[in-house]
Amino acid sequence: MKPVYLLDTNIISEFSKPRPNLKLLKKILNHGNMCAISSTVWQETIFGYQRMPEGKRKQIVGDTMQSIKDSYEIIPYDKFASEICGELQARCEEKGKTCPRYASQIAATAIANGMILITHNTEDFATLQEVSMLKVEDWWE
């Protein structure tokens, strides 16, 4: 089955928290085989992990990352997504609004693959939604 939901970085970071949002985790479990992450989210995750000091917390995050890598398809940021991303950035600029680079890549990957973006940072994607057909859901609610 093709993934329907693209999980944002703030979603997968919940997996390694001492007290994750249980409502979110339940929803992800119910939709597990329909979820994926983007290569941009994976990049952000690797970057965050590499910046962590050595210790127990870093080990927990590393183990969680391995589990994520084994469990979810990583959707590439490809030529089609990059074309969409360029269009999104230009549309945002026309409206006089900034468009965060990683957010626009994640949004473009969702659009290019006909997926719904799952994030708790809906404000980061508000302008992108205004200028495109990006669908966003917040599973915290």
Protein backbone atom coordinates (compact mmCIF):
# COMPACT_ATOMS: atom_id res chain seq x y z
CA MET A 1 0.00 0.00 0.00
CA LYS A 2 1.27 3.44 -0.93
CA PRO A 3 1.85 5.76 2.05
CA VAL A 4 -0.81 8.43 2.50
CA TYR A 5 0.67 10.39 5.42
CA LEU A 6 4.03 12.18 5.49
CA LEU A 7 5.28 12.61 9.07
CA ASP A 8 7.05 15.86 9.93
CA THR A 9 10.16 16.02 12.10
CA ASN A 10 8.22 17.07 15.21
CA ILE A 11 6.07 13.95 14.84
CA ILE A 12 8.87 11.41 14.72
CA SER A 13 10.74 13.19 17.52
CA GLU A 14 7.84 12.21 19.81
CA PHE A 15 8.90 8.55 19.53
CA SER A 16 11.98 9.09 21.70
CA LYS A 17 10.53 11.47 24.28
CA PRO A 18 10.18 10.29 27.89
CA ARG A 19 6.49 11.38 27.83
CA PRO A 20 5.29 11.31 24.23
CA ASN A 21 1.85 12.50 23.21
CA LEU A 22 -0.19 9.30 23.62
CA LYS A 23 -3.02 10.46 21.38
CA LEU A 24 -0.50 11.05 18.59
CA LEU A 25 1.20 7.68 19.09
CA LYS A 26 -2.14 5.86 19.02
CA LYS A 27 -3.09 7.56 15.77
CA ILE A 28 0.28 6.67 14.22
CA LEU A 29 -0.11 3.05 15.32
CA ASN A 30 -3.54 2.95 13.71
CA HIS A 31 -2.13 4.33 10.45
CA GLY A 32 1.39 2.84 10.65
CA ASN A 33 1.64 1.19 7.24
CA MET A 34 0.18 4.30 5.61
CA CYS A 35 2.88 6.63 7.00
CA ALA A 36 6.28 7.63 5.63
CA ILE A 37 8.87 10.33 6.20
CA SER A 38 10.64 12.55 3.71
CA SER A 39 14.37 12.55 3.08
CA THR A 40 14.36 16.16 4.35
CA VAL A 41 12.87 15.05 7.68
CA TRP A 42 15.45 12.27 7.84
CA GLN A 43 18.20 14.86 7.19
CA GLU A 44 16.90 17.08 9.99
CA THR A 45 16.79 14.08 12.31
CA ILE A 46 20.37 13.05 11.51
CA PHE A 47 21.57 16.62 12.01
CA GLY A 48 19.86 16.86 15.40
CA TYR A 49 21.25 13.51 16.48
CA GLN A 50 24.81 14.39 15.44
CA ARG A 51 24.68 17.58 17.50
CA MET A 52 23.67 15.76 20.69
CA PRO A 53 26.26 15.18 23.42
CA GLU A 54 27.23 11.58 24.04
CA GLY A 55 25.15 9.88 26.69
CA LYS A 56 22.04 7.89 27.50
CA ARG A 57 19.67 10.32 25.75
CA LYS A 58 21.67 10.15 22.52
CA GLN A 59 21.61 6.34 22.71
CA ILE A 60 17.81 6.35 23.10
CA VAL A 61 17.42 8.73 20.15
CA GLY A 62 19.81 6.61 18.05
CA ASP A 63 17.85 3.44 18.81
CA THR A 64 14.61 5.23 17.96
CA MET A 65 16.08 6.47 14.68
CA GLN A 66 17.05 2.92 13.72
CA SER A 67 13.50 1.78 14.46
CA ILE A 68 12.09 4.63 12.34
CA LYS A 69 14.45 3.79 9.49
CA ASP A 70 13.36 0.14 9.64
CA SER A 71 9.65 0.93 9.95
CA TYR A 72 8.95 3.78 7.52
CA GLU A 73 9.64 4.40 3.89
CA ILE A 74 11.84 7.45 3.34
CA ILE A 75 10.40 9.39 0.41
CA PRO A 76 13.11 11.16 -1.62
CA TYR A 77 13.20 14.86 -2.35
CA ASP A 78 13.42 14.37 -6.10
CA LYS A 79 13.31 16.41 -9.30
CA PHE A 80 9.50 16.70 -9.30
CA ALA A 81 9.43 17.79 -5.64
CA SER A 82 12.21 20.31 -6.28
CA GLU A 83 10.22 21.87 -9.12
CA ILE A 84 7.16 22.15 -6.88
CA CYS A 85 9.34 23.59 -4.11
CA GLY A 86 10.68 26.32 -6.39
CA GLU A 87 7.13 27.25 -7.40
CA LEU A 88 6.02 27.33 -3.74
CA GLN A 89 8.90 29.57 -2.75
CA ALA A 90 8.15 31.97 -5.62
CA ARG A 91 4.45 32.11 -4.69
CA CYS A 92 5.30 32.83 -1.07
CA GLU A 93 7.69 35.58 -2.13
CA GLU A 94 4.96 37.12 -4.32
CA LYS A 95 2.79 37.34 -1.19
CA GLY A 96 5.66 39.00 0.67
CA LYS A 97 6.05 36.05 3.02
CA THR A 98 9.08 34.00 3.88
CA CYS A 99 9.11 30.32 3.18
CA PRO A 100 11.38 28.23 5.41
CA ARG A 101 13.63 26.07 3.24
CA TYR A 102 13.10 22.74 4.97
CA ALA A 103 9.37 23.32 5.41
CA SER A 104 9.01 24.07 1.70
CA GLN A 105 10.94 20.90 0.78
CA ILE A 106 8.79 18.78 3.09
CA ALA A 107 5.61 20.38 1.74
CA ALA A 108 6.75 19.88 -1.85
CA THR A 109 7.49 16.21 -1.16
CA ALA A 110 3.98 15.76 0.26
CA ILE A 111 2.40 17.50 -2.74
CA ALA A 112 4.54 15.63 -5.29
CA ASN A 113 3.48 12.31 -3.79
CA GLY A 114 -0.17 13.18 -3.15
CA MET A 115 0.29 12.84 0.61
CA ILE A 116 -1.13 14.56 3.67
CA LEU A 117 1.48 16.21 5.87
CA ILE A 118 1.18 15.38 9.56
CA THR A 119 2.70 18.07 11.79
CA HIS A 120 2.13 19.85 15.05
CA ASN A 121 3.84 22.96 13.63
CA THR A 122 0.93 23.91 11.42
CA GLU A 123 1.94 27.58 11.49
CA ASP A 124 5.19 26.68 9.67
CA PHE A 125 3.11 25.47 6.74
CA ALA A 126 0.26 28.01 6.76
CA THR A 127 1.60 30.18 3.93
CA LEU A 128 2.50 27.09 1.92
CA GLN A 129 -1.11 25.94 2.27
CA GLU A 130 -2.34 29.34 1.06
CA VAL A 131 -0.35 29.08 -2.18
CA SER A 132 -0.81 25.38 -2.95
CA MET A 133 -2.92 22.30 -2.55
CA LEU A 134 -0.92 21.14 0.48
CA LYS A 135 -3.05 19.18 2.94
CA VAL A 136 -1.99 19.35 6.59
CA GLU A 137 -3.31 17.56 9.65
CA ASP A 138 -2.38 17.97 13.31
CA TRP A 139 -2.81 14.65 15.12
CA TRP A 140 -2.28 16.26 18.53
CA GLU A 141 -5.89 17.42 18.40
